[in-house]
Amino acid sequence: MKNGVVNGRQRLMVFQQNGSGEPKIAGLRKYGGELFELEVVNIDVALPTILDNTSDYLPEDISCDLVLDFLRHNDLSADLAALCAQKDIPVIASGKKISCKGLVTPPT
C-alpha cells in the first residue's frame, strides 16, 4: 500500500440513504471503475427526526481513503464526519451545513 492506494486503486466508501447516491455511484462505477475500490453502505429504513445514537446505522470502524456522504439525515452525517475526523479520512458531503476537520461541503 502506498499513499492509501491498494493495487493502484483508491478505496472509497459511499454512504447513502434510500438510494440517495445511486446516480453518483453509477457514475463512479461507469467512469472510474478501474480507479476505485468502492464500498457502498446503504441505510434503507425509516428514521426518526432525531437520532440520539447513530451506532445502529454507522459502522464502528471505517477504513478507506475517502468517504462520500449522500445521507439525508443530519445526525448520521454529523456522526459520520466525526468518526472520519478521528481517523483522518476526508469526507465530501455536498450541500451539507456541517463543520468538521477533513470535511468538504461544496455547494449543490
Protein backbone atom coordinates (compact mmCIF):
# COMPACT_ATOMS: atom_id res chain seq x y z
CA MET A 1 0.00 0.00 0.00
CA LYS A 2 1.37 3.40 -0.99
CA ASN A 3 -0.34 6.68 -0.02
CA GLY A 4 -3.59 4.87 0.83
CA VAL A 5 -3.81 3.28 -2.60
CA VAL A 6 -4.12 -0.50 -2.87
CA ASN A 7 -3.17 -2.09 -6.21
CA GLY A 8 -3.40 1.33 -7.88
CA ARG A 9 -6.99 1.86 -6.75
CA GLN A 10 -8.30 4.34 -4.18
CA ARG A 11 -10.64 2.91 -1.55
CA LEU A 12 -13.91 4.86 -1.40
CA MET A 13 -16.81 4.36 0.98
CA VAL A 14 -20.14 5.81 -0.09
CA PHE A 15 -22.90 6.29 2.46
CA GLN A 16 -26.41 6.67 1.09
CA GLN A 17 -29.91 6.69 2.46
CA ASN A 18 -32.82 5.21 0.48
CA GLY A 19 -30.90 5.33 -2.81
CA SER A 20 -29.89 8.98 -2.44
CA GLY A 21 -26.46 8.44 -4.01
CA GLU A 22 -27.35 5.97 -6.77
CA PRO A 23 -26.75 8.34 -9.74
CA LYS A 24 -23.29 9.27 -8.40
CA ILE A 25 -22.46 5.65 -7.55
CA ALA A 26 -23.43 4.62 -11.09
CA GLY A 27 -21.17 7.36 -12.46
CA LEU A 28 -18.24 6.24 -10.30
CA ARG A 29 -18.67 2.66 -11.48
CA LYS A 30 -19.05 3.66 -15.13
CA TYR A 31 -16.24 6.21 -15.39
CA GLY A 32 -13.91 5.23 -12.56
CA GLY A 33 -14.41 1.50 -12.18
CA GLU A 34 -10.73 0.79 -12.75
CA LEU A 35 -9.58 3.57 -10.42
CA PHE A 36 -11.67 2.92 -7.32
CA GLU A 37 -12.37 0.13 -4.92
CA LEU A 38 -15.94 1.06 -4.00
CA GLU A 39 -17.86 0.04 -0.87
CA VAL A 40 -21.44 1.26 -0.51
CA VAL A 41 -23.20 1.50 2.85
CA ASN A 42 -26.98 1.60 2.42
CA ILE A 43 -29.31 2.83 5.14
CA ASP A 44 -32.77 1.97 3.87
CA VAL A 45 -35.01 2.24 6.92
CA ALA A 46 -37.37 4.93 8.13
CA LEU A 47 -35.64 7.05 10.76
CA PRO A 48 -36.97 9.34 13.47
CA THR A 49 -36.35 13.08 13.15
CA ILE A 50 -33.68 12.99 15.89
CA LEU A 51 -31.20 10.16 16.39
CA ASP A 52 -29.52 10.21 19.78
CA ASN A 53 -27.44 7.15 18.91
CA THR A 54 -26.35 6.52 15.33
CA SER A 55 -24.27 3.43 16.13
CA ASP A 56 -27.08 1.17 14.91
CA TYR A 57 -26.67 2.63 11.41
CA LEU A 58 -22.99 3.55 11.02
CA PRO A 59 -20.07 1.10 11.14
CA GLU A 60 -17.92 1.05 14.27
CA ASP A 61 -14.78 1.38 12.20
CA ILE A 62 -14.06 2.87 8.79
CA SER A 63 -11.03 2.05 6.70
CA CYS A 64 -10.78 3.84 3.35
CA ASP A 65 -9.13 6.75 1.57
CA LEU A 66 -12.23 8.91 1.07
CA VAL A 67 -15.86 8.95 2.22
CA LEU A 68 -18.71 10.30 0.12
CA ASP A 69 -21.76 11.26 2.20
CA PHE A 70 -25.15 11.14 0.45
CA LEU A 71 -27.06 10.65 3.70
CA ARG A 72 -30.21 12.68 4.21
CA HIS A 73 -30.31 12.55 7.99
CA ASN A 74 -28.21 15.30 9.61
CA ASP A 75 -27.46 13.26 12.74
CA LEU A 76 -25.99 10.46 10.61
CA SER A 77 -23.90 12.91 8.59
CA ALA A 78 -22.58 14.69 11.69
CA ASP A 79 -21.56 11.46 13.41
CA LEU A 80 -20.05 10.06 10.19
CA ALA A 81 -17.97 13.24 9.82
CA ALA A 82 -16.80 13.00 13.44
CA LEU A 83 -15.83 9.33 13.02
CA CYS A 84 -13.88 10.12 9.86
CA ALA A 85 -12.17 13.11 11.51
CA GLN A 86 -10.87 10.81 14.27
CA LYS A 87 -9.29 8.61 11.60
CA ASP A 88 -8.09 11.47 9.33
CA ILE A 89 -10.31 10.28 6.48
CA PRO A 90 -11.55 13.12 4.27
CA VAL A 91 -15.29 13.37 3.66
CA ILE A 92 -17.14 15.01 0.81
CA ALA A 93 -20.69 15.88 1.83
CA SER A 94 -22.08 18.06 -0.91
CA GLY A 95 -24.61 20.68 0.18
CA LYS A 96 -24.35 19.89 3.91
CA LYS A 97 -24.01 22.51 6.61
CA ILE A 98 -21.64 20.61 8.87
CA SER A 99 -18.29 21.89 10.05
CA CYS A 100 -15.65 19.30 10.90
CA LYS A 101 -11.97 18.62 10.28
CA GLY A 102 -11.44 17.00 6.89
CA LEU A 103 -14.98 17.65 5.69
CA VAL A 104 -15.57 19.30 2.33
CA THR A 105 -19.10 20.59 1.71
CA PRO A 106 -19.25 22.01 -1.81
CA PRO A 107 -22.47 23.82 -2.76
CA THR A 108 -25.00 21.98 -4.87
